[in-house]
Amino acid sequence: MATYVTKEGLEKMKIELEQLETIERPKITQQIAEARDKGDLSENAEYDAAKEAQGMLEMRISKLKDMIAGSKIIDESQLDNSKVSILTTVLLRDNTTKKEQKFTLVPENESDLKSGKISVNTPIAKGLLGKAVGETADILLPNGNKLSYQILEISL
């Protein structure tokens, strides 16, 4: 399955992978060697902790490699801002509170709520996808609450 990413998102994954492989992996290997040198491995908590950390690290490295291999870069020049889609920024008005909010819909692995970037896989994003300026998006959240947003503006 392809993972859609921006150029920046792909670059971040590659940098993280290099950091894990060139810095973190040797560090854990060293910790395991030091723990092994302390003797009896059956009762060596340091050894067990280092082996567990190694397993977690190798899982993350494997996952990153898979994500990078299956990544498809989103061609931003092909995006259309007449409707809400991935990489569009949407200005919304909550129909209940009348407060305005701005979100940018991004691939799942690039979401960052602090900077207003939400995954296209979230219930809010799914409710907004395909809507145009002036339309209302009524969204049912997993907890049973309902949100209603008026779409004020869509930009790239």
C-alpha atoms as a PDB file:
ATOM      1  CA  MET A   1       0.000   0.000   0.000  1.00  0.00           C
ATOM      2  CA  ALA A   2       1.392   3.398  -0.960  1.00  0.00           C
ATOM      3  CA  THR A   3       1.990   6.024   1.673  1.00  0.00           C
ATOM      4  CA  TYR A   4       1.415   9.515   0.334  1.00  0.00           C
ATOM      5  CA  VAL A   5       3.918  12.061   1.599  1.00  0.00           C
ATOM      6  CA  THR A   6       5.215  15.505   0.828  1.00  0.00           C
ATOM      7  CA  LYS A   7       8.841  15.959  -0.236  1.00  0.00           C
ATOM      8  CA  GLU A   8       9.542  17.355   3.245  1.00  0.00           C
ATOM      9  CA  GLY A   9       7.866  14.384   4.916  1.00  0.00           C
ATOM     10  CA  LEU A  10       9.930  11.909   2.900  1.00  0.00           C
ATOM     11  CA  GLU A  11      13.117  13.819   3.707  1.00  0.00           C
ATOM     12  CA  LYS A  12      12.297  13.733   7.456  1.00  0.00           C
ATOM     13  CA  MET A  13      11.800   9.964   7.310  1.00  0.00           C
ATOM     14  CA  LYS A  14      15.133   9.505   5.518  1.00  0.00           C
ATOM     15  CA  ILE A  15      16.938  11.674   8.089  1.00  0.00           C
ATOM     16  CA  GLU A  16      15.362   9.738  10.975  1.00  0.00           C
ATOM     17  CA  LEU A  17      16.322   6.417   9.364  1.00  0.00           C
ATOM     18  CA  GLU A  18      19.934   7.531   8.922  1.00  0.00           C
ATOM     19  CA  GLN A  19      20.066   8.723  12.559  1.00  0.00           C
ATOM     20  CA  LEU A  20      18.714   5.389  13.804  1.00  0.00           C
ATOM     21  CA  GLU A  21      21.063   3.310  11.666  1.00  0.00           C
ATOM     22  CA  THR A  22      24.273   5.294  12.122  1.00  0.00           C
ATOM     23  CA  ILE A  23      23.955   6.575  15.699  1.00  0.00           C
ATOM     24  CA  GLU A  24      21.297   4.718  17.698  1.00  0.00           C
ATOM     25  CA  ARG A  25      22.013   1.187  16.420  1.00  0.00           C
ATOM     26  CA  PRO A  26      25.747   1.295  17.297  1.00  0.00           C
ATOM     27  CA  LYS A  27      24.901   2.802  20.709  1.00  0.00           C
ATOM     28  CA  ILE A  28      22.576  -0.094  21.566  1.00  0.00           C
ATOM     29  CA  THR A  29      25.075  -2.638  20.244  1.00  0.00           C
ATOM     30  CA  GLN A  30      27.656  -1.109  22.596  1.00  0.00           C
ATOM     31  CA  GLN A  31      25.216  -1.277  25.555  1.00  0.00           C
ATOM     32  CA  ILE A  32      24.545  -4.954  24.850  1.00  0.00           C
ATOM     33  CA  ALA A  33      28.278  -5.696  24.659  1.00  0.00           C
ATOM     34  CA  GLU A  34      28.916  -3.879  27.959  1.00  0.00           C
ATOM     35  CA  ALA A  35      26.047  -5.709  29.682  1.00  0.00           C
ATOM     36  CA  ARG A  36      27.263  -9.055  28.277  1.00  0.00           C
ATOM     37  CA  ASP A  37      30.735  -8.392  29.705  1.00  0.00           C
ATOM     38  CA  LYS A  38      29.217  -8.170  33.201  1.00  0.00           C
ATOM     39  CA  GLY A  39      28.661 -11.892  33.293  1.00  0.00           C
ATOM     40  CA  ASP A  40      25.568 -14.019  33.906  1.00  0.00           C
ATOM     41  CA  LEU A  41      22.976 -12.959  31.317  1.00  0.00           C
ATOM     42  CA  SER A  42      20.089 -14.818  32.972  1.00  0.00           C
ATOM     43  CA  GLU A  43      19.882 -12.238  35.785  1.00  0.00           C
ATOM     44  CA  ASN A  44      21.247  -9.188  33.959  1.00  0.00           C
ATOM     45  CA  ALA A  45      18.557  -6.482  33.785  1.00  0.00           C
ATOM     46  CA  GLU A  46      20.812  -4.145  31.786  1.00  0.00           C
ATOM     47  CA  TYR A  47      21.240  -6.810  29.121  1.00  0.00           C
ATOM     48  CA  ASP A  48      17.487  -7.487  28.976  1.00  0.00           C
ATOM     49  CA  ALA A  49      16.720  -3.756  28.724  1.00  0.00           C
ATOM     50  CA  ALA A  50      19.299  -3.235  25.994  1.00  0.00           C
ATOM     51  CA  LYS A  51      18.002  -6.236  23.999  1.00  0.00           C
ATOM     52  CA  GLU A  52      14.434  -4.923  24.301  1.00  0.00           C
ATOM     53  CA  ALA A  53      15.550  -1.447  23.185  1.00  0.00           C
ATOM     54  CA  GLN A  54      17.357  -3.074  20.260  1.00  0.00           C
ATOM     55  CA  GLY A  55      14.177  -4.895  19.252  1.00  0.00           C
ATOM     56  CA  MET A  56      12.151  -1.674  19.356  1.00  0.00           C
ATOM     57  CA  LEU A  57      14.813   0.164  17.365  1.00  0.00           C
ATOM     58  CA  GLU A  58      14.953  -2.546  14.701  1.00  0.00           C
ATOM     59  CA  MET A  59      11.139  -2.478  14.424  1.00  0.00           C
ATOM     60  CA  ARG A  60      11.208   1.316  13.886  1.00  0.00           C
ATOM     61  CA  ILE A  61      14.007   1.005  11.307  1.00  0.00           C
ATOM     62  CA  SER A  62      12.062  -1.699   9.460  1.00  0.00           C
ATOM     63  CA  LYS A  63       8.856   0.356   9.528  1.00  0.00           C
ATOM     64  CA  LEU A  64      10.668   3.457   8.225  1.00  0.00           C
ATOM     65  CA  LYS A  65      12.297   1.462   5.417  1.00  0.00           C
ATOM     66  CA  ASP A  66       8.889   0.079   4.409  1.00  0.00           C
ATOM     67  CA  MET A  67       7.304   3.538   4.529  1.00  0.00           C
ATOM     68  CA  ILE A  68      10.108   5.088   2.477  1.00  0.00           C
ATOM     69  CA  ALA A  69      10.020   2.261  -0.072  1.00  0.00           C
ATOM     70  CA  GLY A  70       6.247   2.580  -0.465  1.00  0.00           C
ATOM     71  CA  SER A  71       6.125   6.385  -0.466  1.00  0.00           C
ATOM     72  CA  LYS A  72       4.554   8.329  -3.254  1.00  0.00           C
ATOM     73  CA  ILE A  73       5.287  12.056  -3.277  1.00  0.00           C
ATOM     74  CA  ILE A  74       2.210  14.216  -3.674  1.00  0.00           C
ATOM     75  CA  ASP A  75       2.583  16.521  -6.677  1.00  0.00           C
ATOM     76  CA  GLU A  76       1.424  19.817  -5.210  1.00  0.00           C
ATOM     77  CA  SER A  77       1.132  21.387  -8.690  1.00  0.00           C
ATOM     78  CA  GLN A  78      -1.701  18.944  -9.467  1.00  0.00           C
ATOM     79  CA  LEU A  79      -3.794  19.924  -6.442  1.00  0.00           C
ATOM     80  CA  ASP A  80      -7.088  21.727  -6.853  1.00  0.00           C
ATOM     81  CA  ASN A  81      -8.268  24.146  -4.177  1.00  0.00           C
ATOM     82  CA  SER A  82     -11.894  24.326  -5.310  1.00  0.00           C
ATOM     83  CA  LYS A  83     -12.646  21.474  -2.894  1.00  0.00           C
ATOM     84  CA  VAL A  84     -11.047  20.315   0.342  1.00  0.00           C
ATOM     85  CA  SER A  85      -8.338  17.723  -0.347  1.00  0.00           C
ATOM     86  CA  ILE A  86      -4.986  16.613   1.000  1.00  0.00           C
ATOM     87  CA  LEU A  87      -2.522  19.514   1.485  1.00  0.00           C
ATOM     88  CA  THR A  88      -5.250  22.151   1.350  1.00  0.00           C
ATOM     89  CA  THR A  89      -5.647  24.616   4.198  1.00  0.00           C
ATOM     90  CA  VAL A  90      -9.234  25.129   5.269  1.00  0.00           C
ATOM     91  CA  LEU A  91     -10.661  28.049   7.226  1.00  0.00           C
ATOM     92  CA  LEU A  92     -13.754  26.900   9.094  1.00  0.00           C
ATOM     93  CA  ARG A  93     -16.416  28.447  11.312  1.00  0.00           C
ATOM     94  CA  ASP A  94     -17.865  26.215  14.006  1.00  0.00           C
ATOM     95  CA  ASN A  95     -21.639  26.571  13.550  1.00  0.00           C
ATOM     96  CA  THR A  96     -22.209  26.145  17.297  1.00  0.00           C
ATOM     97  CA  THR A  97     -19.520  28.358  18.859  1.00  0.00           C
ATOM     98  CA  LYS A  98     -19.011  30.654  15.811  1.00  0.00           C
ATOM     99  CA  LYS A  99     -15.251  30.357  16.386  1.00  0.00           C
ATOM    100  CA  GLU A 100     -13.001  30.146  13.353  1.00  0.00           C
ATOM    101  CA  GLN A 101     -10.335  27.462  12.992  1.00  0.00           C
ATOM    102  CA  LYS A 102      -7.767  26.761  10.327  1.00  0.00           C
ATOM    103  CA  PHE A 103      -6.494  23.275   9.477  1.00  0.00           C
ATOM    104  CA  THR A 104      -4.141  21.895   6.846  1.00  0.00           C
ATOM    105  CA  LEU A 105      -4.917  18.326   5.801  1.00  0.00           C
ATOM    106  CA  VAL A 106      -1.710  16.298   5.563  1.00  0.00           C
ATOM    107  CA  PRO A 107      -0.626  12.651   5.193  1.00  0.00           C
ATOM    108  CA  GLU A 108      -1.020  10.709   8.447  1.00  0.00           C
ATOM    109  CA  ASN A 109       2.675  10.583   9.317  1.00  0.00           C
ATOM    110  CA  GLU A 110       3.007  14.385   8.954  1.00  0.00           C
ATOM    111  CA  SER A 111       0.215  15.478  11.294  1.00  0.00           C
ATOM    112  CA  ASP A 112       1.084  18.035  13.960  1.00  0.00           C
ATOM    113  CA  LEU A 113      -1.872  19.475  15.836  1.00  0.00           C
ATOM    114  CA  LYS A 114       0.199  22.283  17.375  1.00  0.00           C
ATOM    115  CA  SER A 115       0.845  23.715  13.928  1.00  0.00           C
ATOM    116  CA  GLY A 116      -2.696  23.051  12.691  1.00  0.00           C
ATOM    117  CA  LYS A 117      -1.817  20.036  10.539  1.00  0.00           C
ATOM    118  CA  ILE A 118      -4.331  17.203  10.838  1.00  0.00           C
ATOM    119  CA  SER A 119      -4.199  13.786   9.241  1.00  0.00           C
ATOM    120  CA  VAL A 120      -6.549  13.163   6.326  1.00  0.00           C
ATOM    121  CA  ASN A 121      -7.525  10.002   8.231  1.00  0.00           C
ATOM    122  CA  THR A 122      -9.089  11.860  11.184  1.00  0.00           C
ATOM    123  CA  PRO A 123     -12.887  12.038  11.454  1.00  0.00           C
ATOM    124  CA  ILE A 124     -12.809  15.843  11.025  1.00  0.00           C
ATOM    125  CA  ALA A 125     -10.678  15.666   7.874  1.00  0.00           C
ATOM    126  CA  LYS A 126     -12.811  12.869   6.423  1.00  0.00           C
ATOM    127  CA  GLY A 127     -15.897  15.015   6.986  1.00  0.00           C
ATOM    128  CA  LEU A 128     -14.283  17.961   5.196  1.00  0.00           C
ATOM    129  CA  LEU A 129     -12.841  16.130   2.170  1.00  0.00           C
ATOM    130  CA  GLY A 130     -14.564  17.016  -1.079  1.00  0.00           C
ATOM    131  CA  LYS A 131     -16.476  20.002   0.349  1.00  0.00           C
ATOM    132  CA  ALA A 132     -16.343  23.435  -1.292  1.00  0.00           C
ATOM    133  CA  VAL A 133     -16.404  26.989   0.083  1.00  0.00           C
ATOM    134  CA  GLY A 134     -19.831  27.794   1.498  1.00  0.00           C
ATOM    135  CA  GLU A 135     -20.734  24.175   2.206  1.00  0.00           C
ATOM    136  CA  THR A 136     -21.427  22.796   5.657  1.00  0.00           C
ATOM    137  CA  ALA A 137     -19.640  19.722   6.962  1.00  0.00           C
ATOM    138  CA  ASP A 138     -21.549  17.795   9.625  1.00  0.00           C
ATOM    139  CA  ILE A 139     -19.157  15.427  11.354  1.00  0.00           C
ATOM    140  CA  LEU A 140     -19.935  12.605  13.775  1.00  0.00           C
ATOM    141  CA  LEU A 141     -17.005  11.944  16.104  1.00  0.00           C
ATOM    142  CA  PRO A 142     -16.181   8.473  17.496  1.00  0.00           C
ATOM    143  CA  ASN A 143     -17.315   9.611  20.977  1.00  0.00           C
ATOM    144  CA  GLY A 144     -20.794  10.369  19.607  1.00  0.00           C
ATOM    145  CA  ASN A 145     -20.421  14.164  19.576  1.00  0.00           C
ATOM    146  CA  LYS A 146     -21.383  16.057  16.447  1.00  0.00           C
ATOM    147  CA  LEU A 147     -19.528  18.976  14.905  1.00  0.00           C
ATOM    148  CA  SER A 148     -20.825  21.293  12.232  1.00  0.00           C
ATOM    149  CA  TYR A 149     -18.468  23.537  10.269  1.00  0.00           C
ATOM    150  CA  GLN A 150     -19.069  26.138   7.586  1.00  0.00           C
ATOM    151  CA  ILE A 151     -16.226  26.161   5.057  1.00  0.00           C
ATOM    152  CA  LEU A 152     -15.095  29.784   4.644  1.00  0.00           C
ATOM    153  CA  GLU A 153     -11.916  29.430   2.604  1.00  0.00           C
ATOM    154  CA  ILE A 154      -9.755  26.783   0.924  1.00  0.00           C
ATOM    155  CA  SER A 155      -6.152  27.495  -0.028  1.00  0.00           C
ATOM    156  CA  LEU A 156      -2.987  25.630  -0.985  1.00  0.00           C
END
